[in-house]
């Protein structure tokens, strides 16, 4: 059982590394960047101030490239990304972050503070890396 008394915010447990990429990049370029930076997802840059950020992760490459029997060179990131990104507030209780991510069917989300993305939080890092639920 986890310690119910200890409050841990999204900011407390997030991965501080957040990497952005242009939507016109190929899936190959995106995967190479993810490998280099050792991240599970990339944030897709806005095209202009009225645009929304996107996100791409391993699941998107499998669904949009491999299952579709395409090559990583012929698919651009904008074709397989999820947009708009659902972000979580930096001060949100990590238990509610987990519940939110499960309820909306995503595995990870950027953490937002004062209108800026300051990190990424994922279901796997909540359990495996940050030990918020003391097992």
N, C-alpha and C. Protein backbone atom coordinates (compact mmCIF):
# COMPACT_ATOMS: atom_id res chain seq x y z
N UNK A 1 0.85 -1.18 0.00
CA UNK A 1 0.00 0.00 0.00
C UNK A 1 0.89 1.23 0.00
N UNK A 2 0.45 2.25 -0.68
CA UNK A 2 1.24 3.47 -0.73
C UNK A 2 0.88 4.37 0.45
N UNK A 3 1.78 5.28 0.75
CA UNK A 3 1.60 6.21 1.85
C UNK A 3 0.65 7.32 1.43
N UNK A 4 -0.60 7.28 1.90
CA UNK A 4 -1.61 8.25 1.50
C UNK A 4 -1.30 9.65 2.00
N UNK A 5 -0.54 9.75 3.05
CA UNK A 5 -0.29 11.06 3.67
C UNK A 5 0.70 11.91 2.87
N UNK A 6 1.54 11.26 2.07
CA UNK A 6 2.57 12.04 1.38
C UNK A 6 2.05 12.55 0.04
N UNK A 7 1.98 13.86 -0.08
CA UNK A 7 1.54 14.52 -1.31
C UNK A 7 2.75 14.70 -2.21
N UNK A 8 2.63 14.25 -3.43
CA UNK A 8 3.67 14.47 -4.43
C UNK A 8 3.01 15.07 -5.65
N UNK A 9 3.44 16.22 -6.05
CA UNK A 9 2.86 16.90 -7.20
C UNK A 9 3.47 16.37 -8.50
N UNK A 10 2.85 16.71 -9.60
CA UNK A 10 3.38 16.34 -10.91
C UNK A 10 4.81 16.86 -11.06
N UNK A 11 5.05 18.07 -10.59
CA UNK A 11 6.38 18.66 -10.68
C UNK A 11 7.41 17.87 -9.88
N UNK A 12 6.98 17.28 -8.76
CA UNK A 12 7.88 16.49 -7.92
C UNK A 12 8.34 15.21 -8.59
N UNK A 13 7.51 14.65 -9.46
CA UNK A 13 7.79 13.31 -10.00
C UNK A 13 8.05 13.31 -11.50
N UNK A 14 7.97 14.44 -12.15
CA UNK A 14 8.14 14.49 -13.61
C UNK A 14 9.59 14.27 -14.01
N UNK A 15 9.76 13.93 -15.26
CA UNK A 15 11.07 13.89 -15.89
C UNK A 15 11.30 15.29 -16.45
N UNK A 16 12.37 15.92 -16.08
CA UNK A 16 12.60 17.32 -16.47
C UNK A 16 13.02 17.47 -17.93
N UNK A 17 13.30 16.37 -18.58
CA UNK A 17 13.74 16.44 -19.96
C UNK A 17 12.52 16.50 -20.88
N UNK A 18 12.45 17.54 -21.69
CA UNK A 18 11.37 17.71 -22.66
C UNK A 18 12.02 18.13 -23.98
N UNK A 19 11.74 17.37 -25.03
CA UNK A 19 12.38 17.59 -26.32
C UNK A 19 11.32 17.93 -27.36
N UNK A 20 11.58 18.98 -28.13
CA UNK A 20 10.66 19.41 -29.18
C UNK A 20 11.22 19.07 -30.56
N UNK A 21 10.30 18.88 -31.52
CA UNK A 21 10.68 18.58 -32.90
C UNK A 21 9.66 19.23 -33.82
N UNK A 22 10.08 19.52 -35.03
CA UNK A 22 9.19 20.08 -36.03
C UNK A 22 8.29 18.99 -36.61
N UNK A 23 7.06 19.32 -36.89
CA UNK A 23 6.11 18.36 -37.43
C UNK A 23 6.47 17.82 -38.79
N UNK A 24 7.30 18.53 -39.55
CA UNK A 24 7.73 18.07 -40.87
C UNK A 24 8.87 17.06 -40.80
N UNK A 25 9.44 16.85 -39.64
CA UNK A 25 10.49 15.84 -39.50
C UNK A 25 9.93 14.47 -39.84
N UNK A 26 10.78 13.61 -40.37
CA UNK A 26 10.34 12.25 -40.67
C UNK A 26 10.28 11.43 -39.39
N UNK A 27 9.55 10.34 -39.46
CA UNK A 27 9.49 9.42 -38.32
C UNK A 27 10.88 8.91 -37.98
N UNK A 28 11.71 8.71 -39.00
CA UNK A 28 13.08 8.25 -38.77
C UNK A 28 13.86 9.28 -37.96
N UNK A 29 13.76 10.56 -38.34
CA UNK A 29 14.46 11.61 -37.61
C UNK A 29 13.96 11.69 -36.16
N UNK A 30 12.67 11.52 -35.99
CA UNK A 30 12.09 11.58 -34.64
C UNK A 30 12.60 10.43 -33.77
N UNK A 31 12.61 9.23 -34.32
CA UNK A 31 13.08 8.07 -33.55
C UNK A 31 14.56 8.24 -33.22
N UNK A 32 15.34 8.72 -34.17
CA UNK A 32 16.77 8.95 -33.90
C UNK A 32 16.96 9.96 -32.77
N UNK A 33 16.15 11.01 -32.77
CA UNK A 33 16.23 12.01 -31.71
C UNK A 33 15.82 11.41 -30.36
N UNK A 34 14.77 10.61 -30.36
CA UNK A 34 14.32 9.96 -29.12
C UNK A 34 15.41 9.04 -28.57
N UNK A 35 16.06 8.29 -29.44
CA UNK A 35 17.16 7.41 -28.99
C UNK A 35 18.31 8.23 -28.42
N UNK A 36 18.69 9.28 -29.14
CA UNK A 36 19.81 10.13 -28.72
C UNK A 36 19.53 10.76 -27.36
N UNK A 37 18.32 11.28 -27.19
CA UNK A 37 17.97 11.99 -25.95
C UNK A 37 17.44 11.07 -24.85
N UNK A 38 17.23 9.79 -25.19
CA UNK A 38 16.72 8.80 -24.24
C UNK A 38 15.38 9.23 -23.64
N UNK A 39 14.42 9.57 -24.53
CA UNK A 39 13.08 9.96 -24.12
C UNK A 39 12.05 9.06 -24.80
N UNK A 40 10.87 8.99 -24.21
CA UNK A 40 9.79 8.15 -24.73
C UNK A 40 8.83 8.91 -25.64
N UNK A 41 8.95 10.23 -25.67
CA UNK A 41 8.04 11.03 -26.49
C UNK A 41 8.70 12.34 -26.88
N UNK A 42 8.11 12.98 -27.90
CA UNK A 42 8.56 14.28 -28.34
C UNK A 42 7.36 15.21 -28.43
N UNK A 43 7.58 16.46 -28.13
CA UNK A 43 6.55 17.48 -28.30
C UNK A 43 6.74 18.08 -29.69
N UNK A 44 5.66 18.20 -30.43
CA UNK A 44 5.71 18.78 -31.77
C UNK A 44 5.50 20.28 -31.65
N UNK A 45 6.42 21.05 -32.22
CA UNK A 45 6.39 22.51 -32.13
C UNK A 45 5.13 23.07 -32.79
N UNK A 46 4.69 24.20 -32.28
CA UNK A 46 3.60 24.95 -32.91
C UNK A 46 4.09 25.54 -34.23
N UNK A 47 3.19 25.63 -35.21
CA UNK A 47 3.53 26.28 -36.48
C UNK A 47 3.41 27.79 -36.37
N UNK A 48 2.53 28.25 -35.47
CA UNK A 48 2.35 29.69 -35.25
C UNK A 48 1.74 29.86 -33.86
N UNK A 49 1.53 31.10 -33.45
CA UNK A 49 1.07 31.36 -32.08
C UNK A 49 -0.35 30.85 -31.81
N UNK A 50 -1.17 30.71 -32.85
CA UNK A 50 -2.54 30.20 -32.66
C UNK A 50 -2.62 28.68 -32.72
N UNK A 51 -1.55 28.03 -33.09
CA UNK A 51 -1.51 26.57 -33.22
C UNK A 51 -1.41 25.92 -31.84
N UNK A 52 -1.61 24.63 -31.79
CA UNK A 52 -1.46 23.85 -30.55
C UNK A 52 -0.24 22.94 -30.69
N UNK A 53 0.34 22.57 -29.56
CA UNK A 53 1.42 21.59 -29.57
C UNK A 53 0.85 20.21 -29.85
N UNK A 54 1.69 19.34 -30.41
CA UNK A 54 1.34 17.94 -30.60
C UNK A 54 2.30 17.09 -29.80
N UNK A 55 2.06 15.77 -29.80
CA UNK A 55 2.95 14.83 -29.12
C UNK A 55 3.03 13.55 -29.93
N UNK A 56 4.17 12.93 -29.93
CA UNK A 56 4.36 11.65 -30.60
C UNK A 56 5.15 10.74 -29.65
N UNK A 57 4.77 9.47 -29.62
CA UNK A 57 5.47 8.50 -28.77
C UNK A 57 5.59 7.16 -29.49
N UNK A 58 6.17 6.20 -28.84
CA UNK A 58 6.43 4.89 -29.44
C UNK A 58 5.15 4.26 -30.00
N UNK A 59 4.08 4.36 -29.26
CA UNK A 59 2.79 3.82 -29.70
C UNK A 59 2.40 4.38 -31.06
N UNK A 60 2.61 5.67 -31.27
CA UNK A 60 2.27 6.32 -32.54
C UNK A 60 3.09 5.77 -33.70
N UNK A 61 4.37 5.47 -33.46
CA UNK A 61 5.21 4.92 -34.52
C UNK A 61 4.76 3.51 -34.90
N UNK A 62 4.38 2.74 -33.91
CA UNK A 62 3.91 1.39 -34.20
C UNK A 62 2.60 1.45 -34.98
N UNK A 63 1.67 2.26 -34.50
CA UNK A 63 0.35 2.38 -35.12
C UNK A 63 0.41 3.06 -36.49
N UNK A 64 1.19 4.12 -36.62
CA UNK A 64 1.18 4.91 -37.84
C UNK A 64 2.21 4.55 -38.88
N UNK A 65 3.22 3.76 -38.50
CA UNK A 65 4.27 3.39 -39.45
C UNK A 65 4.31 1.88 -39.63
N UNK A 66 4.62 1.16 -38.57
CA UNK A 66 4.84 -0.28 -38.69
C UNK A 66 3.56 -1.02 -39.10
N UNK A 67 2.46 -0.80 -38.40
CA UNK A 67 1.22 -1.50 -38.72
C UNK A 67 0.70 -1.10 -40.09
N UNK A 68 0.95 0.14 -40.49
CA UNK A 68 0.52 0.62 -41.81
C UNK A 68 1.46 0.16 -42.92
N UNK A 69 2.50 -0.59 -42.56
CA UNK A 69 3.47 -1.13 -43.52
C UNK A 69 4.13 -0.02 -44.34
N UNK A 70 4.53 1.05 -43.66
CA UNK A 70 5.23 2.16 -44.30
C UNK A 70 6.66 2.17 -43.79
N UNK A 71 7.50 2.95 -44.44
CA UNK A 71 8.86 3.10 -43.95
C UNK A 71 8.94 4.35 -43.08
N UNK A 72 9.92 4.39 -42.21
CA UNK A 72 10.10 5.52 -41.31
C UNK A 72 10.52 6.78 -42.08
N UNK A 73 11.04 6.60 -43.28
CA UNK A 73 11.45 7.74 -44.10
C UNK A 73 10.27 8.41 -44.81
N UNK A 74 9.19 7.67 -45.06
CA UNK A 74 8.08 8.22 -45.84
C UNK A 74 6.96 8.82 -45.00
N UNK A 75 7.07 8.75 -43.68
CA UNK A 75 6.04 9.28 -42.80
C UNK A 75 6.60 10.48 -42.05
N UNK A 76 5.84 11.58 -42.08
CA UNK A 76 6.22 12.76 -41.30
C UNK A 76 5.53 12.69 -39.94
N UNK A 77 6.16 13.31 -38.97
CA UNK A 77 5.66 13.29 -37.60
C UNK A 77 4.23 13.84 -37.51
N UNK A 78 3.92 14.90 -38.26
CA UNK A 78 2.59 15.49 -38.17
C UNK A 78 1.49 14.51 -38.56
N UNK A 79 1.82 13.48 -39.34
CA UNK A 79 0.84 12.50 -39.79
C UNK A 79 0.44 11.52 -38.69
N UNK A 80 1.29 11.33 -37.71
CA UNK A 80 1.03 10.31 -36.69
C UNK A 80 0.91 10.87 -35.27
N UNK A 81 1.15 12.17 -35.11
CA UNK A 81 1.11 12.76 -33.77
C UNK A 81 -0.31 12.86 -33.24
N UNK A 82 -0.41 13.07 -31.95
CA UNK A 82 -1.68 13.39 -31.30
C UNK A 82 -1.67 14.89 -31.04
N UNK A 83 -2.77 15.55 -31.40
CA UNK A 83 -2.83 17.00 -31.27
C UNK A 83 -4.27 17.38 -30.99
N UNK A 84 -4.55 18.25 -30.06
CA UNK A 84 -3.62 18.98 -29.20
C UNK A 84 -3.15 18.10 -28.04
N UNK A 85 -2.05 18.52 -27.46
CA UNK A 85 -1.49 17.84 -26.29
C UNK A 85 -2.37 18.14 -25.08
N UNK A 86 -2.60 17.12 -24.28
CA UNK A 86 -3.25 17.30 -22.98
C UNK A 86 -2.12 17.43 -21.97
N UNK A 87 -2.06 18.55 -21.27
CA UNK A 87 -1.01 18.74 -20.28
C UNK A 87 -1.61 18.70 -18.88
N UNK A 88 -0.74 18.55 -17.90
CA UNK A 88 -1.19 18.54 -16.51
C UNK A 88 -0.52 19.68 -15.76
N UNK A 89 -1.24 20.28 -14.81
CA UNK A 89 -0.65 21.37 -14.02
C UNK A 89 0.48 20.85 -13.13
N UNK A 90 1.51 21.65 -12.97
CA UNK A 90 2.67 21.27 -12.17
C UNK A 90 2.30 20.93 -10.73
N UNK A 91 1.27 21.58 -10.19
CA UNK A 91 0.92 21.36 -8.78
C UNK A 91 -0.16 20.29 -8.58
N UNK A 92 -0.55 19.58 -9.65
CA UNK A 92 -1.57 18.53 -9.51
C UNK A 92 -1.01 17.34 -8.73
N UNK A 93 -1.79 16.81 -7.81
CA UNK A 93 -1.43 15.62 -7.05
C UNK A 93 -1.16 14.47 -8.02
N UNK A 94 -0.04 13.78 -7.83
CA UNK A 94 0.35 12.71 -8.75
C UNK A 94 -0.69 11.60 -8.84
N UNK A 95 -1.48 11.39 -7.78
CA UNK A 95 -2.55 10.39 -7.85
C UNK A 95 -3.60 10.81 -8.87
N UNK A 96 -3.89 12.11 -8.92
CA UNK A 96 -4.87 12.61 -9.88
C UNK A 96 -4.29 12.62 -11.30
N UNK A 97 -2.99 12.83 -11.40
CA UNK A 97 -2.34 12.73 -12.71
C UNK A 97 -2.54 11.32 -13.26
N UNK A 98 -2.26 10.31 -12.43
CA UNK A 98 -2.44 8.92 -12.87
C UNK A 98 -3.88 8.67 -13.29
N UNK A 99 -4.82 9.13 -12.51
CA UNK A 99 -6.23 8.94 -12.83
C UNK A 99 -6.60 9.65 -14.13
N UNK A 100 -6.13 10.87 -14.31
CA UNK A 100 -6.42 11.63 -15.53
C UNK A 100 -5.87 10.91 -16.76
N UNK A 101 -4.62 10.51 -16.71
CA UNK A 101 -4.00 9.85 -17.85
C UNK A 101 -4.74 8.56 -18.22
N UNK A 102 -5.10 7.79 -17.21
CA UNK A 102 -5.87 6.56 -17.47
C UNK A 102 -7.22 6.89 -18.08
N UNK A 103 -7.92 7.86 -17.51
CA UNK A 103 -9.27 8.20 -17.98
C UNK A 103 -9.31 8.75 -19.40
N UNK A 104 -8.27 9.47 -19.81
CA UNK A 104 -8.27 10.00 -21.17
C UNK A 104 -7.54 9.09 -22.15
N UNK A 105 -6.97 8.01 -21.64
CA UNK A 105 -6.35 7.01 -22.51
C UNK A 105 -5.00 7.38 -23.09
N UNK A 106 -4.21 8.11 -22.32
CA UNK A 106 -2.84 8.42 -22.76
C UNK A 106 -1.85 7.91 -21.72
N UNK A 107 -0.63 7.71 -22.16
CA UNK A 107 0.39 7.16 -21.29
C UNK A 107 1.30 8.22 -20.67
N UNK A 108 1.31 9.42 -21.29
CA UNK A 108 2.19 10.46 -20.80
C UNK A 108 1.65 11.82 -21.20
N UNK A 109 2.14 12.85 -20.51
CA UNK A 109 1.70 14.21 -20.81
C UNK A 109 2.77 15.19 -20.34
N UNK A 110 2.85 16.34 -20.99
CA UNK A 110 3.76 17.38 -20.49
C UNK A 110 3.19 18.01 -19.23
N UNK A 111 4.08 18.48 -18.39
CA UNK A 111 3.72 19.18 -17.17
C UNK A 111 3.85 20.67 -17.46
N UNK A 112 2.80 21.42 -17.13
CA UNK A 112 2.75 22.84 -17.47
C UNK A 112 2.76 23.71 -16.21
N UNK A 113 3.56 24.77 -16.28
CA UNK A 113 3.61 25.75 -15.19
C UNK A 113 3.75 27.14 -15.81
N UNK A 114 2.87 28.04 -15.44
CA UNK A 114 2.89 29.42 -15.95
C UNK A 114 2.89 29.47 -17.47
N UNK A 115 2.15 28.54 -18.10
CA UNK A 115 2.03 28.53 -19.56
C UNK A 115 3.16 27.87 -20.31
N UNK A 116 4.15 27.35 -19.60
CA UNK A 116 5.30 26.69 -20.24
C UNK A 116 5.35 25.22 -19.85
N UNK A 117 5.82 24.40 -20.78
CA UNK A 117 6.07 22.99 -20.47
C UNK A 117 7.41 22.90 -19.75
N UNK A 118 7.40 22.26 -18.58
CA UNK A 118 8.62 22.19 -17.77
C UNK A 118 9.12 20.76 -17.60
N UNK A 119 8.39 19.78 -18.11
CA UNK A 119 8.80 18.39 -18.00
C UNK A 119 7.73 17.47 -18.56
N UNK A 120 7.98 16.18 -18.45
CA UNK A 120 7.05 15.15 -18.92
C UNK A 120 6.76 14.20 -17.76
N UNK A 121 5.53 13.72 -17.74
CA UNK A 121 5.15 12.73 -16.73
C UNK A 121 4.48 11.57 -17.45
N UNK A 122 4.80 10.36 -17.05
CA UNK A 122 4.23 9.18 -17.68
C UNK A 122 3.76 8.20 -16.62
N UNK A 123 2.84 7.34 -17.02
CA UNK A 123 2.37 6.31 -16.10
C UNK A 123 3.52 5.42 -15.65
N UNK A 124 4.39 5.05 -16.58
CA UNK A 124 5.49 4.17 -16.19
C UNK A 124 6.46 4.86 -15.24
N UNK A 125 6.72 6.16 -15.43
CA UNK A 125 7.65 6.79 -14.51
C UNK A 125 7.02 7.03 -13.14
N UNK A 126 5.70 7.12 -13.07
CA UNK A 126 5.03 7.24 -11.76
C UNK A 126 5.28 6.00 -10.91
N UNK A 127 5.26 4.85 -11.54
CA UNK A 127 5.41 3.59 -10.80
C UNK A 127 6.86 3.13 -10.74
N UNK A 128 7.53 3.12 -11.87
CA UNK A 128 8.84 2.49 -11.93
C UNK A 128 10.01 3.37 -11.52
N UNK A 129 9.97 4.65 -11.87
CA UNK A 129 11.13 5.50 -11.65
C UNK A 129 11.04 6.35 -10.40
N UNK A 130 9.91 6.86 -10.08
CA UNK A 130 9.82 7.85 -9.00
C UNK A 130 9.33 7.26 -7.68
N UNK A 131 8.91 6.04 -7.70
CA UNK A 131 8.51 5.34 -6.48
C UNK A 131 7.51 6.13 -5.64
N UNK A 132 6.48 6.68 -6.29
CA UNK A 132 5.49 7.45 -5.53
C UNK A 132 4.54 6.56 -4.75
N UNK A 133 4.35 5.36 -5.24
CA UNK A 133 3.51 4.40 -4.55
C UNK A 133 4.44 3.39 -3.90
N UNK A 134 4.76 3.60 -2.66
CA UNK A 134 5.75 2.76 -1.98
C UNK A 134 5.28 1.32 -1.90
N UNK A 135 5.99 0.46 -2.62
CA UNK A 135 5.64 -0.96 -2.68
C UNK A 135 6.54 -1.74 -1.74
